[in-house]
Protein backbone atom coordinates (compact mmCIF):
# COMPACT_ATOMS: atom_id res chain seq x y z
CA MET A 1 132.47 117.85 158.62
CA PRO A 2 131.14 121.14 157.21
CA TYR A 3 129.33 123.75 159.21
CA PHE A 4 126.23 125.41 157.89
CA ASN A 5 125.68 128.92 159.39
CA PHE A 6 122.68 131.31 158.65
CA THR A 7 120.87 134.21 160.00
CA GLN A 8 117.12 134.28 160.41
CA GLU A 9 115.21 137.88 160.09
CA ILE A 10 112.00 137.14 162.08
CA GLY A 11 109.01 138.44 160.07
CA GLU A 12 110.83 137.68 156.79
CA PRO A 13 109.54 134.92 154.54
CA ASP A 14 113.13 133.38 153.80
CA LEU A 15 116.40 132.98 155.49
CA VAL A 16 118.68 135.70 154.88
CA THR A 17 122.30 136.68 155.57
CA GLY A 18 122.95 139.42 157.88
CA GLU A 19 124.06 142.90 156.38
CA ILE A 20 127.08 141.80 154.47
CA PRO A 21 128.35 144.13 151.70
CA GLY A 22 127.81 142.71 148.25
CA ILE A 23 125.37 139.96 149.63
CA LYS A 24 121.70 140.65 148.66
CA SER A 25 118.96 139.53 150.90
CA GLU A 26 118.29 136.03 149.53
CA ALA A 27 118.45 132.53 150.58
CA SER A 28 122.27 132.56 151.29
CA PHE A 29 124.07 130.75 154.01
CA PHE A 30 127.50 130.51 155.78
CA LEU A 31 129.19 127.30 154.63
CA SER A 32 132.62 126.22 155.54
CA THR A 33 134.00 123.35 153.87
CA SER A 34 137.26 121.32 154.08
CA ALA A 35 140.20 123.36 152.98
CA ALA A 36 142.98 122.17 150.54
CA GLU A 37 146.47 121.41 152.08
CA GLY A 38 148.52 124.45 151.51
CA LEU A 39 150.66 126.92 153.23
CA ARG A 40 149.62 130.21 154.53
CA SER A 41 149.60 133.19 152.25
CA SER A 42 151.45 136.30 152.66
CA ARG A 43 149.94 139.12 154.33
CA VAL A 44 147.21 140.75 152.08
CA ALA A 45 148.54 144.40 151.26
CA ASP A 46 145.18 145.82 150.77
CA ILE A 47 142.54 144.44 152.87
CA THR A 48 139.76 146.67 151.06
CA GLY A 49 140.27 144.80 147.98
CA GLU A 50 140.67 148.05 146.00
CA SER A 51 144.12 147.16 144.57
CA SER A 52 143.88 143.31 144.95
CA SER A 53 141.63 141.39 142.69
CA SER A 54 138.81 138.60 144.09
CA GLU A 55 141.08 135.91 142.76
CA SER A 56 143.83 137.00 145.02
CA PHE A 57 141.44 136.95 147.92
CA LYS A 58 140.16 133.51 146.93
CA SER A 59 143.66 132.12 146.80
CA ASN A 60 144.69 133.54 150.28
CA TYR A 61 141.49 131.81 151.63
CA ALA A 62 142.08 128.66 149.96
CA LYS A 63 145.45 128.36 151.10
CA LEU A 64 144.55 128.64 154.78
CA PRO A 65 145.15 125.52 156.80
CA ASP A 66 142.06 123.92 158.26
CA TYR A 67 142.59 125.15 161.80
CA LEU A 68 142.68 128.89 160.49
CA LYS A 69 139.71 128.39 158.02
CA SER A 70 137.39 127.14 160.73
CA CYS A 71 138.43 130.22 163.06
CA LEU A 72 138.14 132.38 160.16
CA ASP A 73 134.51 130.98 159.21
CA TYR A 74 133.41 131.08 162.88
CA SER A 75 134.67 134.62 163.26
CA ALA A 76 132.45 135.57 160.16
CA ILE A 77 129.17 134.61 161.77
CA VAL A 78 130.34 136.05 165.18
CA CYS A 79 131.31 139.36 163.90
CA GLY A 80 129.12 139.95 160.83
CA ARG A 81 129.95 143.27 159.68
CA TYR A 82 130.81 144.64 163.22
CA GLY A 83 133.63 144.20 165.64
CA VAL A 84 133.84 141.65 168.59
CA GLU A 85 135.90 141.76 171.42
CA ILE A 86 138.85 139.69 171.11
CA GLY A 87 138.63 137.97 174.67
CA LYS A 88 135.02 136.89 173.77
CA LEU A 89 135.79 135.46 170.30
CA VAL A 90 138.67 133.47 172.38
CA ARG A 91 136.09 132.03 174.74
CA LEU A 92 133.63 131.28 172.04
CA LEU A 93 136.47 129.36 169.81
CA LEU A 94 137.33 127.46 172.94
CA ALA A 95 133.53 126.41 173.43
CA GLU A 96 133.08 125.46 169.88
CA GLY A 97 136.05 123.11 170.10
CA LEU A 98 138.13 124.85 167.15
CA ILE A 99 141.17 125.04 169.30
CA GLU A 100 143.35 121.99 169.28
CA ASP A 101 144.33 120.92 172.80
CA ARG A 102 148.06 121.54 173.37
CA PRO A 103 149.40 119.66 176.65
CA GLY A 104 151.31 122.33 178.53
CA ASP A 105 149.81 125.42 177.14
CA ILE A 106 146.91 127.44 178.24
CA MET A 107 144.19 127.05 175.78
CA GLU A 108 143.08 130.80 175.88
CA ASP A 109 146.72 131.58 174.65
CA VAL A 110 146.63 129.16 171.86
CA ALA A 111 143.36 130.76 170.63
CA ALA A 112 144.69 134.22 171.05
CA ASN A 113 147.80 133.40 168.96
CA VAL A 114 145.60 131.82 166.12
CA LEU A 115 143.47 135.05 166.05
CA LYS A 116 146.84 136.92 165.84
CA GLU A 117 147.97 134.69 162.77
CA LEU A 118 144.64 135.74 161.05
CA ILE A 119 145.40 139.32 161.88
CA ASP A 120 148.93 139.15 160.68
CA LEU A 121 147.31 137.65 157.18
CA GLY A 122 145.15 140.45 156.81
CA MET A 123 142.10 138.27 157.46
CA LEU A 124 141.13 139.78 160.61
CA GLN A 125 141.03 143.71 161.19
CA GLU A 126 141.91 144.99 164.75
CA GLU A 127 139.44 147.88 166.04
CA ARG A 128 139.20 150.02 169.22
CA GLN A 129 142.78 150.09 169.76
CA GLY A 130 143.35 146.34 169.38
CA THR A 131 140.68 145.18 171.87
CA GLU A 132 138.22 144.12 168.94
CA VAL A 133 138.70 142.27 165.69
CA LYS A 134 136.22 142.07 162.72
CA VAL A 135 136.35 140.03 159.31
CA PRO A 136 137.05 142.28 156.35
CA ALA A 137 134.20 142.53 153.68
CA SER A 138 136.40 140.77 151.15
CA TYR A 139 136.82 137.67 153.30
CA LEU A 140 133.40 137.78 154.64
CA ARG A 141 131.89 137.44 151.07
CA LEU A 142 134.06 134.30 150.69
CA CYS A 143 132.39 132.30 153.57
CA ILE A 144 129.17 132.77 151.65
CA LEU A 145 127.77 129.90 149.43
CA LYS A 146 124.28 130.56 148.05
CA LEU A 147 121.94 127.54 148.35
CA GLU A 148 118.24 127.23 147.81
CA LYS A 149 116.06 126.82 150.86
CA GLN A 150 115.16 123.22 150.01
CA ASP A 151 119.10 122.42 149.36
CA PHE A 152 120.02 123.93 152.47
CA VAL A 153 117.52 121.82 154.62
CA SER A 154 118.85 118.61 152.78
CA LYS A 155 122.41 119.51 153.11
CA THR A 156 122.13 120.33 156.97
CA ALA A 157 120.76 116.83 157.65
CA ASN A 158 122.90 115.57 160.62
CA SER A 159 125.35 118.47 160.36
CA PRO A 160 126.35 121.02 162.81
CA VAL A 161 124.46 124.15 162.29
CA ARG A 162 125.39 127.95 163.72
CA LEU A 163 122.44 130.06 163.80
CA GLY A 164 121.89 133.87 164.24
CA ILE A 165 118.50 135.42 165.06
CA ARG A 166 117.66 138.73 164.83
CA ASP A 167 114.56 139.30 166.82
CA ASP A 168 112.06 142.15 165.80
CA GLY A 169 110.43 142.32 169.26
CA ARG A 170 107.33 140.40 168.51
CA ASP A 171 108.63 137.09 170.29
CA ILE A 172 108.00 134.83 167.48
CA TYR A 173 110.23 131.72 167.66
CA PRO A 174 111.71 130.62 164.36
CA LYS A 175 110.96 127.27 162.67
CA VAL A 176 114.31 125.30 163.12
CA GLU A 177 113.16 121.80 164.01
CA GLY A 178 115.11 119.07 162.87
CA LEU A 179 118.65 121.23 162.67
CA LEU A 180 121.47 120.21 164.75
CA ILE A 181 122.24 123.65 166.28
CA HIS A 182 125.87 123.75 168.12
CA SER A 183 125.70 127.69 168.40
CA LEU A 184 122.76 130.01 168.76
CA PHE A 185 123.19 134.03 168.68
CA ILE A 186 120.22 136.04 169.23
CA LEU A 187 120.21 139.76 168.89
CA GLY A 188 117.31 141.36 170.53
CA ALA A 189 115.03 144.34 169.44
CA ASP A 190 116.11 146.46 172.59
CA ARG A 191 119.64 146.27 170.99
CA ARG A 192 118.47 147.17 167.47
CA ALA A 193 116.19 149.77 168.13
CA TYR A 194 114.29 151.42 171.08
CA PHE A 195 110.97 150.12 172.03
CA ASP A 196 109.20 151.45 175.22
CA SER A 197 107.08 148.40 175.30
CA TYR A 198 109.65 145.81 174.71
CA ARG A 199 109.66 143.21 177.60
CA GLY A 200 112.37 140.89 176.24
CA LEU A 201 112.11 137.27 175.29
CA SER A 202 109.29 135.44 176.98
CA ARG A 203 109.61 132.39 179.18
CA ALA A 204 107.86 130.48 176.37
CA TYR A 205 110.49 131.61 173.87
CA MET A 206 113.19 130.75 176.19
CA ARG A 207 111.79 127.07 177.00
CA ASN A 208 112.05 126.49 173.16
CA VAL A 209 115.68 127.83 173.04
CA CYS A 210 116.31 125.38 176.00
CA GLY A 211 115.07 122.49 173.90
CA MET A 212 118.14 122.61 171.74
CA HIS A 213 119.86 119.87 173.76
CA PHE A 214 123.10 120.04 171.54
CA LEU A 215 124.10 123.57 172.08
CA LEU A 216 127.55 124.20 172.89
CA VAL A 217 127.08 128.07 172.76
CA LEU A 218 124.00 130.16 173.68
CA ASP A 219 124.83 133.91 173.43
CA LEU A 220 121.72 136.09 173.98
CA ASP A 221 122.23 139.75 173.50
CA CYS A 222 118.83 141.01 174.48
CA TRP A 223 116.48 141.34 177.21
CA ILE A 224 114.90 138.38 178.88
CA GLU A 225 111.76 138.09 180.98
CA ARG A 226 113.29 135.05 182.99
CA LEU A 227 115.32 132.05 182.55
CA PRO A 228 113.30 128.92 182.87
CA ASP A 229 114.41 125.78 184.70
CA GLU A 230 114.73 123.97 181.50
CA LEU A 231 118.14 125.84 181.04
CA GLY A 232 119.66 122.94 183.20
CA ASP A 233 118.70 120.53 180.46
CA LEU A 234 121.33 122.04 178.15
CA ILE A 235 123.94 119.67 179.45
CA HIS A 236 126.36 119.96 176.63
CA LEU A 237 126.62 123.90 176.92
CA ARG A 238 130.15 125.47 177.10
CA TYR A 239 129.24 129.08 176.66
CA LEU A 240 126.33 131.09 178.36
CA GLY A 241 126.24 134.48 177.37
CA LEU A 242 123.43 136.67 179.05
CA PHE A 243 125.00 140.02 178.45
CA ASN A 244 122.53 142.95 178.83
CA SER A 245 119.70 140.63 179.57
CA ASN A 246 118.18 142.66 182.50
CA LEU A 247 117.91 139.56 184.44
CA ASP A 248 117.29 139.71 188.22
CA GLU A 249 117.99 135.92 189.11
CA LEU A 250 119.53 132.71 187.43
CA PRO A 251 117.76 129.61 188.20
CA GLY A 252 119.19 126.90 190.39
CA THR A 253 119.23 124.47 187.49
CA LEU A 254 122.33 126.37 186.29
CA GLY A 255 124.39 124.13 188.39
CA ASN A 256 123.47 121.19 185.89
CA LEU A 257 125.76 122.90 183.42
CA LYS A 258 128.82 120.74 184.35
CA ARG A 259 130.91 121.45 181.04
CA LEU A 260 129.99 125.15 181.32
CA GLN A 261 133.34 127.05 180.68
CA THR A 262 132.20 130.78 180.45
CA LEU A 263 129.23 132.66 182.15
CA ASP A 264 128.81 136.18 180.99
CA ILE A 265 126.27 137.99 182.83
CA ARG A 266 127.59 141.54 182.52
CA TRP A 267 125.21 144.47 182.71
CA CYS A 268 122.56 142.74 184.08
CA GLY A 269 120.92 145.64 186.00
CA GLY A 270 118.83 143.69 188.52
CA LEU A 271 121.28 141.01 189.12
CA ARG A 272 122.84 140.95 192.65
CA LYS A 273 123.76 137.48 193.70
CA LEU A 274 124.55 134.24 192.11
CA PRO A 275 122.87 130.94 193.21
CA ILE A 276 124.81 128.45 195.34
CA GLN A 277 124.44 125.91 192.76
CA ILE A 278 127.17 127.73 190.41
CA LEU A 279 129.69 125.75 192.82
CA HIS A 280 128.93 122.66 191.00
CA ILE A 281 130.44 123.92 187.86
CA GLN A 282 133.96 122.85 188.53
CA GLN A 283 134.97 123.32 184.93
CA LEU A 284 134.13 127.11 184.77
CA ARG A 285 136.82 129.26 183.55
CA HIS A 286 135.33 132.70 182.85
CA LEU A 287 132.96 134.27 185.21
CA LEU A 288 132.22 137.92 183.86
CA MET A 289 129.85 139.88 185.79
CA SER A 290 128.59 143.34 186.10
CA ASP A 291 130.66 146.20 184.25
CA SER A 292 129.30 149.45 185.32
CA ILE A 293 125.42 149.59 184.97
CA ASN A 294 123.77 151.26 188.12
CA ASP A 295 127.15 150.75 189.73
CA CYS A 296 126.16 147.22 190.87
CA GLU A 297 128.30 144.48 192.00
CA ILE A 298 127.55 140.67 192.32
CA ARG A 299 127.93 138.76 195.69
CA VAL A 300 129.24 135.12 195.08
CA PRO A 301 128.58 132.32 197.39
CA LYS A 302 130.80 131.42 199.95
CA GLY A 303 132.91 128.53 198.57
CA ILE A 304 133.77 129.98 195.23
CA GLY A 305 137.43 129.35 196.01
CA ALA A 306 136.68 126.03 195.10
CA LEU A 307 136.66 126.83 191.52
CA VAL A 308 140.06 126.20 190.83
CA ASN A 309 139.86 126.41 187.20
CA LEU A 310 138.92 130.08 186.92
CA HIS A 311 140.79 132.19 185.03
CA THR A 312 138.63 135.13 184.72
CA LEU A 313 136.50 136.70 187.62
CA SER A 314 135.02 140.12 187.40
CA GLY A 315 132.66 142.26 189.11
CA ILE A 316 132.53 140.75 192.39
CA TYR A 317 131.63 142.46 195.72
CA GLY A 318 134.68 143.21 197.77
CA GLY A 319 133.14 142.53 201.16
CA ASP A 320 131.70 139.30 202.74
CA ASP A 321 135.27 137.97 203.25
CA ILE A 322 135.76 137.34 199.50
CA ALA A 323 139.54 138.02 200.14
CA MET A 324 139.76 134.71 202.04
CA GLU A 325 138.12 133.03 198.96
CA LEU A 326 140.39 134.54 196.58
CA ILE A 327 143.43 133.16 198.34
CA ALA A 328 142.86 129.78 196.79
CA LEU A 329 142.44 131.23 193.05
CA THR A 330 146.14 131.43 192.45
CA GLN A 331 145.71 130.76 188.84
CA LEU A 332 143.54 133.96 188.10
CA ARG A 333 144.64 135.89 185.14
CA GLU A 334 142.02 138.64 185.35
CA LEU A 335 140.22 140.00 188.35
CA GLY A 336 137.83 142.75 188.98
CA VAL A 337 136.67 143.63 192.36
CA LYS A 338 134.01 146.46 193.26
CA ARG A 339 133.31 148.48 196.34
CA VAL A 340 136.60 148.15 197.90
CA THR A 341 137.08 149.57 201.15
CA ALA A 342 139.73 149.99 203.91
CA ASP A 343 137.98 147.22 206.14
CA HIS A 344 139.17 144.58 203.67
CA ALA A 345 142.06 146.20 201.60
CA SER A 346 144.86 144.55 203.24
CA GLU A 347 143.54 140.91 203.04
CA LEU A 348 142.28 141.61 199.48
CA PHE A 349 145.80 142.75 198.54
CA ALA A 350 147.47 139.76 200.43
CA ALA A 351 145.40 137.46 198.24
CA ILE A 352 146.37 139.21 194.80
CA GLU A 353 150.11 138.98 195.97
CA LYS A 354 149.64 135.23 195.54
CA MET A 355 148.32 135.39 191.93
CA GLU A 356 151.41 134.83 190.08
CA ASN A 357 149.50 134.59 186.67
CA LEU A 358 147.56 137.73 186.99
CA THR A 359 147.68 139.80 183.93
CA SER A 360 144.69 142.25 184.41
CA LEU A 361 143.56 143.82 187.71
CA SER A 362 140.64 146.11 188.20
CA LEU A 363 139.73 147.61 191.81
CA GLU A 364 136.97 150.02 192.15
CA ALA A 365 136.45 151.78 195.48
CA GLU A 366 133.11 152.67 197.45
CA ARG A 367 130.80 155.01 195.89
CA ASN A 368 131.05 157.67 198.50
CA TYR A 369 134.67 158.80 198.33
CA PHE A 370 136.24 160.80 201.14
CA GLU A 371 139.81 160.33 200.19
CA GLU A 372 141.80 163.74 200.15
CA GLU A 373 145.03 162.16 198.87
CA PHE A 374 145.60 159.33 196.22
CA PHE A 375 148.66 157.60 195.19
CA LEU A 376 148.52 155.15 192.32
CA SER A 377 151.48 153.33 190.98
CA GLY A 378 151.48 150.63 188.27
CA GLY A 379 150.13 149.93 184.80
CA LEU A 380 146.68 150.87 183.63
CA ILE A 381 144.61 150.00 180.55
CA GLU A 382 142.08 153.00 181.03
CA MET A 383 141.25 155.54 183.61
CA PRO A 384 139.01 154.28 186.44
CA VAL A 385 135.66 155.71 185.99
CA TRP A 386 135.30 156.13 189.52
CA PHE A 387 137.97 158.86 189.68
CA ALA A 388 135.26 161.22 188.57
CA SER A 389 133.42 160.77 191.80
CA MET A 390 136.33 161.47 193.97
CA GLU A 391 135.02 164.97 194.67
CA ASN A 392 137.03 165.77 197.86
CA LEU A 393 140.39 164.63 196.47
CA THR A 394 143.12 167.40 196.88
CA ARG A 395 146.36 165.64 195.98
CA LEU A 396 146.68 162.73 193.10
CA SER A 397 149.88 160.96 191.86
CA LEU A 398 149.69 158.51 189.11
CA LEU A 399 152.98 156.66 188.53
CA PHE A 400 154.11 154.44 185.79
CA SER A 401 150.50 154.16 184.44
CA TYR A 402 151.41 154.14 180.75
CA LEU A 403 147.93 155.07 179.75
CA SER A 404 147.09 155.20 176.09
CA GLU A 405 144.24 157.55 176.86
CA ASN A 406 144.35 161.30 178.29
CA PRO A 407 143.77 160.83 181.74
CA THR A 408 143.01 164.51 182.57
CA SER A 409 139.74 164.01 180.49
CA VAL A 410 138.43 162.63 183.92
CA LEU A 411 140.62 164.60 186.18
CA GLN A 412 140.27 167.91 185.06
CA PHE A 413 136.79 168.15 186.42
CA LEU A 414 137.50 167.31 190.06
CA PRO A 415 136.36 170.51 192.03
CA LYS A 416 138.94 170.37 194.89
CA LEU A 417 142.14 168.80 193.27
CA LYS A 418 145.08 171.03 193.99
CA HIS A 419 148.23 169.05 193.29
CA LEU A 420 148.72 166.64 190.51
CA GLN A 421 151.65 164.46 189.68
CA LEU A 422 151.81 162.52 186.54
CA CYS A 423 154.80 160.35 186.46
CA HIS A 424 154.93 158.34 183.10
CA ALA A 425 151.13 158.25 183.36
CA TYR A 426 150.49 158.94 179.79
CA LYS A 427 152.27 157.73 176.78
CA ALA A 428 151.33 160.27 174.21
CA ARG A 429 154.06 162.17 172.23
CA HIS A 430 151.79 165.20 171.55
CA ILE A 431 149.09 166.76 173.64
CA GLY A 432 146.83 169.58 172.68
CA LYS A 433 144.45 171.71 174.26
CA GLU A 434 142.11 168.90 175.23
CA PHE A 435 144.50 168.24 177.89
CA CYS A 436 142.62 170.98 179.93
CA ASN A 437 139.43 172.66 178.63
CA ALA A 438 138.43 176.14 179.69
CA GLY A 439 137.91 176.26 183.17
CA GLY A 440 139.29 172.76 183.69
CA PHE A 441 141.28 172.16 186.88
CA PRO A 442 139.43 174.88 188.72
CA VAL A 443 141.68 174.84 191.78
CA LEU A 444 144.77 173.13 190.49
CA GLU A 445 147.88 174.93 191.79
CA THR A 446 150.62 172.40 191.18
CA LEU A 447 151.26 170.21 188.15
CA THR A 448 154.20 167.85 187.55
CA ILE A 449 154.51 165.88 184.27
CA ALA A 450 157.26 163.16 184.03
CA SER A 451 157.39 161.46 180.35
CA GLY A 452 160.29 160.42 178.32
CA SER A 453 157.98 160.44 175.24
CA LEU A 454 156.26 163.80 175.43
CA ALA A 455 157.78 165.90 172.65
CA GLU A 456 155.34 168.68 172.17
CA TRP A 457 152.50 170.20 174.12
CA THR A 458 150.77 172.39 171.34
CA GLU A 459 148.12 174.83 173.01
CA ILE A 460 146.52 175.61 176.26
CA GLU A 461 143.06 176.87 175.95
CA THR A 462 142.15 180.25 177.31
CA GLY A 463 140.76 179.98 180.63
CA ALA A 464 142.38 176.63 181.50
CA PHE A 465 144.27 176.22 184.89
CA PRO A 466 142.84 179.48 186.29
CA ARG A 467 144.82 179.10 189.50
CA LEU A 468 147.92 176.99 188.47
CA ARG A 469 151.09 178.38 190.10
CA TYR A 470 153.77 175.63 189.73
CA LEU A 471 154.45 173.67 186.52
CA CYS A 472 157.37 171.24 186.32
CA PHE A 473 158.63 169.02 183.52
CA HIS A 474 160.63 166.22 185.04
CA ASN A 475 162.67 163.87 183.01
CA CYS A 476 160.84 165.40 179.74
CA GLY A 477 164.19 165.43 177.65
CA ASN A 478 162.36 165.16 174.44
CA LEU A 479 160.10 168.07 174.99
CA ILE A 480 160.88 170.88 172.25
CA PHE A 481 157.97 173.19 172.40
CA LEU A 482 155.98 174.64 174.99
CA PRO A 483 152.34 175.25 174.68
CA GLU A 484 150.83 178.48 173.03
CA GLY A 485 148.64 179.99 175.81
CA LEU A 486 151.22 179.46 178.72
CA GLN A 487 151.64 182.99 178.72
CA ASN A 488 147.92 183.49 179.31
CA ILE A 489 148.20 181.74 182.64
CA SER A 490 148.34 184.82 184.84
CA THR A 491 148.75 183.12 188.26
CA LEU A 492 151.90 180.87 186.97
CA GLN A 493 154.65 181.69 189.29
CA ASP A 494 157.03 178.83 188.64
CA LEU A 495 158.11 176.86 185.61
CA CYS A 496 160.67 174.19 186.13
CA PHE A 497 162.47 171.74 183.70
CA PHE A 498 164.64 168.96 185.07
CA PRO A 499 166.32 168.33 182.47
CA TRP A 500 165.48 170.06 179.16
CA HIS A 501 165.92 169.51 175.44
CA PRO A 502 168.77 171.70 174.17
CA ASP A 503 166.62 173.09 171.32
CA LEU A 504 163.83 174.18 173.99
CA ARG A 505 166.99 175.71 176.00
CA ARG A 506 168.21 177.68 173.07
CA ARG A 507 164.84 179.01 172.09
CA LEU A 508 163.62 179.85 175.85
CA MET A 509 167.18 181.48 176.47
CA SER A 510 166.71 183.91 173.53
CA GLN A 511 163.35 184.82 174.17
CA ILE A 512 164.58 185.50 177.83
CA PHE A 513 167.50 187.69 177.06
CA GLY A 514 165.72 189.27 174.25
CA ARG A 515 163.60 191.02 176.63
CA LEU A 516 166.41 192.34 179.05
CA ARG A 517 167.82 195.88 178.38
CA THR A 518 170.88 196.07 180.73
CA VAL A 519 172.69 193.66 182.85
CA ASP A 520 174.51 195.03 185.68
CA PHE A 521 176.94 192.76 187.87
CA PRO A 522 177.47 194.47 191.47
CA THR A 523 180.60 193.60 193.37
CA THR A 524 179.68 193.81 196.72
CA LYS A 525 176.17 192.55 197.48
CA TRP A 526 176.67 188.92 196.86
CA LYS A 527 178.52 188.36 200.29
CA ASN A 528 175.50 189.48 202.48
CA ILE A 529 173.01 187.03 200.79
CA ASN A 530 170.65 185.76 203.57
CA HIS A 531 170.13 182.01 202.59
CA ASN A 532 167.19 181.55 205.13
CA SER A 533 165.24 184.39 203.31
CA PHE A 534 164.58 182.09 200.48
CA HIS A 535 163.18 178.72 199.86
CA ARG A 536 163.71 176.06 202.49
CA LYS A 537 165.50 174.02 199.94
CA PHE A 538 167.80 176.76 199.04
CA PHE A 539 170.83 174.75 198.72
CA GLU A 540 169.71 171.18 199.58
CA ASP A 541 168.95 170.38 196.06
CA GLU A 542 171.76 172.47 194.69
CA MET A 543 169.30 174.82 193.29
CA LEU A 544 168.95 178.42 193.72
CA LEU A 545 165.32 179.66 193.97
CA LEU A 546 164.58 183.34 193.80
CA TYR A 547 161.93 185.64 195.14
CA SER A 548 161.17 188.67 192.65
CA SER A 549 158.80 191.64 193.07
CA ASN A 550 156.76 192.89 190.43
CA ILE A 551 157.52 196.46 191.03
CA ILE A 552 160.91 197.72 189.41
CA SER A 553 163.57 194.82 189.49
CA CYS A 554 164.21 191.30 190.20
CA PHE A 555 167.68 189.63 191.08
CA LEU A 556 169.12 186.68 189.14
CA PHE A 557 171.39 184.28 191.21
CA ILE A 558 173.68 181.99 189.41
CA TYR A 559 174.86 178.93 191.65
CA PHE A 560 177.86 177.03 190.12
CA ASN A 561 178.95 173.80 191.87
CA ILE A 562 182.47 173.27 190.44
CA LEU A 563 184.43 169.99 190.65
CA VAL A 564 185.72 170.76 194.12
CA LYS A 565 182.10 171.15 195.93
CA CYS A 566 183.68 173.34 198.80
CA ALA A 567 184.75 175.78 196.27
CA ILE A 568 181.25 177.44 195.81
CA LEU A 569 180.81 180.75 194.22
CA TYR A 570 177.58 182.85 194.91
CA CYS A 571 176.91 185.70 192.57
CA LEU A 572 174.29 188.26 192.49
CA VAL A 573 173.34 189.78 189.38
CA TYR A 574 171.13 192.86 189.41
CA LEU A 575 168.93 193.09 186.23
CA ASN A 576 167.38 196.32 185.38
CA LEU A 577 164.09 195.49 183.13
CA CYS A 578 162.32 197.61 180.67
CA ASN A 579 158.82 198.14 180.16
CA LEU A 580 157.57 197.16 183.51
CA GLN A 581 153.92 196.85 183.88
CA ARG A 582 151.83 198.91 186.52
CA ARG A 583 151.98 197.67 190.04
CA ASN A 584 148.25 196.59 190.16
CA GLN A 585 148.37 194.31 187.22
CA CYS A 586 148.18 190.31 187.67
CA THR A 587 151.25 188.52 188.82
CA ARG A 588 153.32 187.15 186.02
CA LEU A 589 155.75 184.43 185.66
CA GLN A 590 158.43 184.96 188.55
CA LYS A 591 160.72 182.01 188.18
CA ILE A 592 162.06 179.57 185.86
CA TYR A 593 164.25 176.89 186.88
CA LEU A 594 166.37 175.31 184.04
CA ASP A 595 168.62 172.63 185.09
CA ASP A 596 171.43 172.61 182.73
CA GLU A 597 173.99 170.07 184.30
CA ARG A 598 175.58 171.85 186.93
CA CYS A 599 174.22 175.37 186.48
CA VAL A 600 170.61 176.51 187.14
CA TYR A 601 169.37 179.68 185.67
CA LEU A 602 166.71 181.83 187.11
CA PHE A 603 164.88 184.58 185.40
CA ALA A 604 161.99 186.68 186.47
CA PHE A 605 159.48 188.18 184.18
CA PRO A 606 157.32 191.55 184.96
């Protein structure tokens, strides 16, 4: 059965398409028809269509099997010319019944694979680092069939319709009587422009919406004064999206929606708790709650653990013994908990350990942060926003986070952070001056970076790292270039490499020896070395650490560990350096530790 999709612009005389390139604002409608049998076409080389004819796009579209064409058509009305979150599109496809049930498979995975097929064919484009998709304009135009208004009305008799409404803020309900509407998308004026007097869709407007008794999908991206009790009449509803609706409560009749699969109430600034009737929705699979607006969290009623079909649960309050409820939700794949404290952390982590299917975990701590030390090991999609509020943090270790975004964009503004360890925390091959702005990391003293992918740090901005004393590159074997501007960090005393790239070694060694005027090898002083006067790990780590002065000279010690470990040679090399700067000048780099297999070279700079 064909689906008819159209967009109505409130205040306009006719039904028009959304802003689609190449389509004029006439009585045009989305129409998906039965597809001819055929195999999938090969991937389109040029999505923009600049080097491919329109016939090629039509041929690719026509060859799509029915299940792909129906999903592409639906994506066209959901996305329009903009991107949509992949997870949301997956949930919408399931609600519309466009994904074939496969015994033994998780339906969300099946839907995600369908979208991946369309992406591989070039009929969907990935955006925002693969988190969103959109329909390319060339294929978006193929979903359009122009019809006269009277033809549309006659052809849609007893046929499912997907309706998109762009509200202008005047709260005028469209004339849609007689249409069998399965999906309704409303984009409110508050999302299209800013109106100080806009209060959202009225109760009367929403009562009319709730009169569409055959709705499967209701997605409202707008402010709403209040949801009426008539919401419970939508007994066929599978998807209810109230994103950014500004609601402060949900009606108890919500519990009548026994077939509801998705409830999206993110960014509802005033909403603090769910009605107890939500426990009646046993088929609920995705409960998405507050993201970050007003740093709010939502309390769920006791017994939420009975919703054993839940796959997604986000934005819940970490207290109120929620950990005891989560123990029963072992099938969860995505979990987000807010206001985690030490009082319930142990119980919460015990519940998380039982979630064998968990693929996404978000934990946000209390708003008031008193932690001085923080250790975090494990993969992260993005830097937690609450890091910026940890004003008392002095020591931070991020291990194996594999972030795709720069973590220091948040961390460099922490006012008390003194010690930072980034161990495989950032996947970038190249970092630049954005790693630390001028004045960034105001009190940082030690920085350790471990990254097998890091090849180049191009530049350090003047004024960055004003107090850095110790910089260590550990397991950065691909690092070839040191950043320009490193020499401007006047406080830097220790620079370590364990190990280091041969090209970097040759370059740095030539620079070092190029600054030496004479080399003198005394023959009597090495026996009298007082090991205890040096670093406490002088020999424990098979490294020789050197203390050097800024006045006249410095010492170079070379420690060789030969095959027979008991045969240890200590050599004292006296280096007479030229062009020493005056005694009252700022301290310069004093030590470089270069781990070259069994040898450690130590150099001092005036």
